[in-house]
Amino acid sequence: MKLLWKRIRQLEIKNDINQTKMELYAVLIPTILSTEIFKRNRDIKELVDCLKFKNAVKDYLYISRTALVARIVREIELSEDVELNENLEMFRGKALEIIDKIEIIDSSEVTKFINKYSRN
């Protein structure tokens, strides 16, 4: 999870639009499919609502994470430069906010182990 968090923080707009799309896919898909970040499928709506697409994401897509990912990838693929840049910035901000809110980064297994058996 820490690797995903780092990749989201390093996400930036590239000169090549295809490179930007590929990097966005690489962090967006594991984020949406992660059950550590989103326990229930309905929780994903908070993240998806901040993204601006030409076609609205219907409520029935939240039943299946894979169907939701397919729809979002299709929308990103069809987006123009300006829309892509706005969505990238919005995704990065919202995803980091959600991850910090649920404190996944600080709850790593190594930290738990050290805290459990430390002499403090």
C-alpha atoms as a PDB file:
ATOM      1  CA  MET A   1       0.000   0.000   0.000  1.00  0.00           C
ATOM      2  CA  LYS A   2       2.886   2.332   0.701  1.00  0.00           C
ATOM      3  CA  LEU A   3       4.116   1.887  -2.868  1.00  0.00           C
ATOM      4  CA  LEU A   4       0.708   2.885  -4.218  1.00  0.00           C
ATOM      5  CA  TRP A   5       0.716   5.948  -1.961  1.00  0.00           C
ATOM      6  CA  LYS A   6       4.142   6.978  -3.300  1.00  0.00           C
ATOM      7  CA  ARG A   7       3.034   6.467  -6.908  1.00  0.00           C
ATOM      8  CA  ILE A   8      -0.033   8.638  -6.359  1.00  0.00           C
ATOM      9  CA  ARG A   9       2.116  11.395  -4.854  1.00  0.00           C
ATOM     10  CA  GLN A  10       4.521  11.240  -7.820  1.00  0.00           C
ATOM     11  CA  LEU A  11       1.728  11.319 -10.394  1.00  0.00           C
ATOM     12  CA  GLU A  12       2.240  14.290 -12.698  1.00  0.00           C
ATOM     13  CA  ILE A  13       1.302  15.601 -16.115  1.00  0.00           C
ATOM     14  CA  LYS A  14       3.700  14.520 -18.852  1.00  0.00           C
ATOM     15  CA  ASN A  15       4.305  16.050 -22.277  1.00  0.00           C
ATOM     16  CA  ASP A  16       3.026  12.906 -23.950  1.00  0.00           C
ATOM     17  CA  ILE A  17      -0.695  12.426 -23.298  1.00  0.00           C
ATOM     18  CA  ASN A  18      -0.471   8.639 -23.709  1.00  0.00           C
ATOM     19  CA  GLN A  19       2.246   8.458 -21.047  1.00  0.00           C
ATOM     20  CA  THR A  20       0.069  10.494 -18.694  1.00  0.00           C
ATOM     21  CA  LYS A  21      -2.883   8.187 -19.308  1.00  0.00           C
ATOM     22  CA  MET A  22      -0.794   5.073 -18.658  1.00  0.00           C
ATOM     23  CA  GLU A  23       0.509   6.445 -15.358  1.00  0.00           C
ATOM     24  CA  LEU A  24      -3.002   7.423 -14.315  1.00  0.00           C
ATOM     25  CA  TYR A  25      -4.265   3.914 -15.139  1.00  0.00           C
ATOM     26  CA  ALA A  26      -1.394   2.402 -13.142  1.00  0.00           C
ATOM     27  CA  VAL A  27      -2.511   4.090  -9.925  1.00  0.00           C
ATOM     28  CA  LEU A  28      -6.239   4.457 -10.520  1.00  0.00           C
ATOM     29  CA  ILE A  29      -7.003   0.777 -11.096  1.00  0.00           C
ATOM     30  CA  PRO A  30      -5.276  -0.593  -7.946  1.00  0.00           C
ATOM     31  CA  THR A  31      -6.799   2.225  -5.906  1.00  0.00           C
ATOM     32  CA  ILE A  32     -10.347   1.392  -6.969  1.00  0.00           C
ATOM     33  CA  LEU A  33      -9.836  -2.372  -6.660  1.00  0.00           C
ATOM     34  CA  SER A  34      -8.244  -2.101  -3.201  1.00  0.00           C
ATOM     35  CA  THR A  35     -10.428  -3.408  -0.404  1.00  0.00           C
ATOM     36  CA  GLU A  36      -8.077  -1.838   2.141  1.00  0.00           C
ATOM     37  CA  ILE A  37      -8.881   1.656   0.900  1.00  0.00           C
ATOM     38  CA  PHE A  38     -12.540   1.066   0.063  1.00  0.00           C
ATOM     39  CA  LYS A  39     -14.211  -1.546   2.248  1.00  0.00           C
ATOM     40  CA  ARG A  40     -17.526  -1.289   0.404  1.00  0.00           C
ATOM     41  CA  ASN A  41     -18.169  -0.532  -3.263  1.00  0.00           C
ATOM     42  CA  ARG A  42     -20.341   2.454  -2.349  1.00  0.00           C
ATOM     43  CA  ASP A  43     -17.304   4.128  -0.741  1.00  0.00           C
ATOM     44  CA  ILE A  44     -15.698   4.444  -4.182  1.00  0.00           C
ATOM     45  CA  LYS A  45     -18.373   6.970  -5.135  1.00  0.00           C
ATOM     46  CA  GLU A  46     -16.556   9.647  -3.105  1.00  0.00           C
ATOM     47  CA  LEU A  47     -13.506   9.306  -5.345  1.00  0.00           C
ATOM     48  CA  VAL A  48     -15.327   8.898  -8.651  1.00  0.00           C
ATOM     49  CA  ASP A  49     -17.593  11.897  -8.025  1.00  0.00           C
ATOM     50  CA  CYS A  50     -14.628  14.262  -7.976  1.00  0.00           C
ATOM     51  CA  LEU A  51     -13.645  13.189 -11.519  1.00  0.00           C
ATOM     52  CA  LYS A  52     -15.267  14.962 -14.438  1.00  0.00           C
ATOM     53  CA  PHE A  53     -16.355  12.789 -17.338  1.00  0.00           C
ATOM     54  CA  LYS A  54     -18.440  13.477 -20.420  1.00  0.00           C
ATOM     55  CA  ASN A  55     -20.916  10.769 -19.420  1.00  0.00           C
ATOM     56  CA  ALA A  56     -21.997  10.418 -15.808  1.00  0.00           C
ATOM     57  CA  VAL A  57     -21.143   7.198 -13.993  1.00  0.00           C
ATOM     58  CA  LYS A  58     -24.415   5.414 -13.259  1.00  0.00           C
ATOM     59  CA  ASP A  59     -25.196   3.979  -9.835  1.00  0.00           C
ATOM     60  CA  TYR A  60     -25.506   0.398 -11.096  1.00  0.00           C
ATOM     61  CA  LEU A  61     -21.766   0.376 -11.901  1.00  0.00           C
ATOM     62  CA  TYR A  62     -20.907   0.513  -8.205  1.00  0.00           C
ATOM     63  CA  ILE A  63     -22.166  -3.054  -7.829  1.00  0.00           C
ATOM     64  CA  SER A  64     -19.068  -4.379  -9.607  1.00  0.00           C
ATOM     65  CA  ARG A  65     -15.628  -2.825  -9.147  1.00  0.00           C
ATOM     66  CA  THR A  66     -14.369  -4.306 -12.400  1.00  0.00           C
ATOM     67  CA  ALA A  67     -17.265  -2.828 -14.380  1.00  0.00           C
ATOM     68  CA  LEU A  68     -16.602   0.512 -12.718  1.00  0.00           C
ATOM     69  CA  VAL A  69     -12.899   0.339 -13.586  1.00  0.00           C
ATOM     70  CA  ALA A  70     -13.733  -0.517 -17.205  1.00  0.00           C
ATOM     71  CA  ARG A  71     -16.051   2.478 -17.477  1.00  0.00           C
ATOM     72  CA  ILE A  72     -13.551   4.884 -15.907  1.00  0.00           C
ATOM     73  CA  VAL A  73     -10.718   3.637 -18.127  1.00  0.00           C
ATOM     74  CA  ARG A  74     -12.939   4.111 -21.186  1.00  0.00           C
ATOM     75  CA  GLU A  75     -13.782   7.667 -20.104  1.00  0.00           C
ATOM     76  CA  ILE A  76     -10.125   8.507 -19.509  1.00  0.00           C
ATOM     77  CA  GLU A  77      -9.176   7.057 -22.888  1.00  0.00           C
ATOM     78  CA  LEU A  78     -11.709   9.335 -24.616  1.00  0.00           C
ATOM     79  CA  SER A  79     -10.779  12.454 -22.636  1.00  0.00           C
ATOM     80  CA  GLU A  80      -8.943  15.419 -24.114  1.00  0.00           C
ATOM     81  CA  ASP A  81      -5.762  17.020 -22.749  1.00  0.00           C
ATOM     82  CA  VAL A  82      -7.453  19.607 -20.538  1.00  0.00           C
ATOM     83  CA  GLU A  83      -9.968  17.128 -19.091  1.00  0.00           C
ATOM     84  CA  LEU A  84      -7.219  14.593 -18.455  1.00  0.00           C
ATOM     85  CA  ASN A  85      -5.066  17.118 -16.610  1.00  0.00           C
ATOM     86  CA  GLU A  86      -8.008  18.240 -14.451  1.00  0.00           C
ATOM     87  CA  ASN A  87      -8.952  14.643 -13.645  1.00  0.00           C
ATOM     88  CA  LEU A  88      -5.359  13.754 -12.795  1.00  0.00           C
ATOM     89  CA  GLU A  89      -5.072  16.638 -10.338  1.00  0.00           C
ATOM     90  CA  MET A  90      -8.474  15.920  -8.809  1.00  0.00           C
ATOM     91  CA  PHE A  91      -7.724  12.195  -8.482  1.00  0.00           C
ATOM     92  CA  ARG A  92      -4.345  12.796  -6.866  1.00  0.00           C
ATOM     93  CA  GLY A  93      -5.756  15.225  -4.316  1.00  0.00           C
ATOM     94  CA  LYS A  94      -8.813  13.158  -3.428  1.00  0.00           C
ATOM     95  CA  ALA A  95      -6.970   9.805  -3.303  1.00  0.00           C
ATOM     96  CA  LEU A  96      -4.285  11.181  -0.973  1.00  0.00           C
ATOM     97  CA  GLU A  97      -6.991  12.730   1.200  1.00  0.00           C
ATOM     98  CA  ILE A  98      -8.868   9.407   1.457  1.00  0.00           C
ATOM     99  CA  ILE A  99      -5.724   7.382   2.172  1.00  0.00           C
ATOM    100  CA  ASP A 100      -4.615   9.836   4.864  1.00  0.00           C
ATOM    101  CA  LYS A 101      -8.106   9.867   6.371  1.00  0.00           C
ATOM    102  CA  ILE A 102      -8.211   6.100   6.849  1.00  0.00           C
ATOM    103  CA  GLU A 103      -4.551   6.012   7.940  1.00  0.00           C
ATOM    104  CA  ILE A 104      -3.465   2.989   5.932  1.00  0.00           C
ATOM    105  CA  ILE A 105       0.116   4.158   5.534  1.00  0.00           C
ATOM    106  CA  ASP A 106       0.864   4.244   9.277  1.00  0.00           C
ATOM    107  CA  SER A 107      -0.643   0.829   9.943  1.00  0.00           C
ATOM    108  CA  SER A 108       1.941  -1.310   8.193  1.00  0.00           C
ATOM    109  CA  GLU A 109       2.677  -4.783   9.489  1.00  0.00           C
ATOM    110  CA  VAL A 110       6.260  -3.885  10.411  1.00  0.00           C
ATOM    111  CA  THR A 111       5.103  -0.930  12.503  1.00  0.00           C
ATOM    112  CA  LYS A 112       2.507  -3.094  14.254  1.00  0.00           C
ATOM    113  CA  PHE A 113       5.151  -5.741  14.979  1.00  0.00           C
ATOM    114  CA  ILE A 114       7.632  -3.214  16.364  1.00  0.00           C
ATOM    115  CA  ASN A 115       4.992  -1.551  18.510  1.00  0.00           C
ATOM    116  CA  LYS A 116       3.805  -4.877  19.873  1.00  0.00           C
ATOM    117  CA  TYR A 117       7.227  -6.141  20.938  1.00  0.00           C
ATOM    118  CA  SER A 118       9.070  -2.925  21.721  1.00  0.00           C
ATOM    119  CA  ARG A 119      10.389  -2.233  25.226  1.00  0.00           C
ATOM    120  CA  ASN A 120       8.672   1.127  25.486  1.00  0.00           C
END
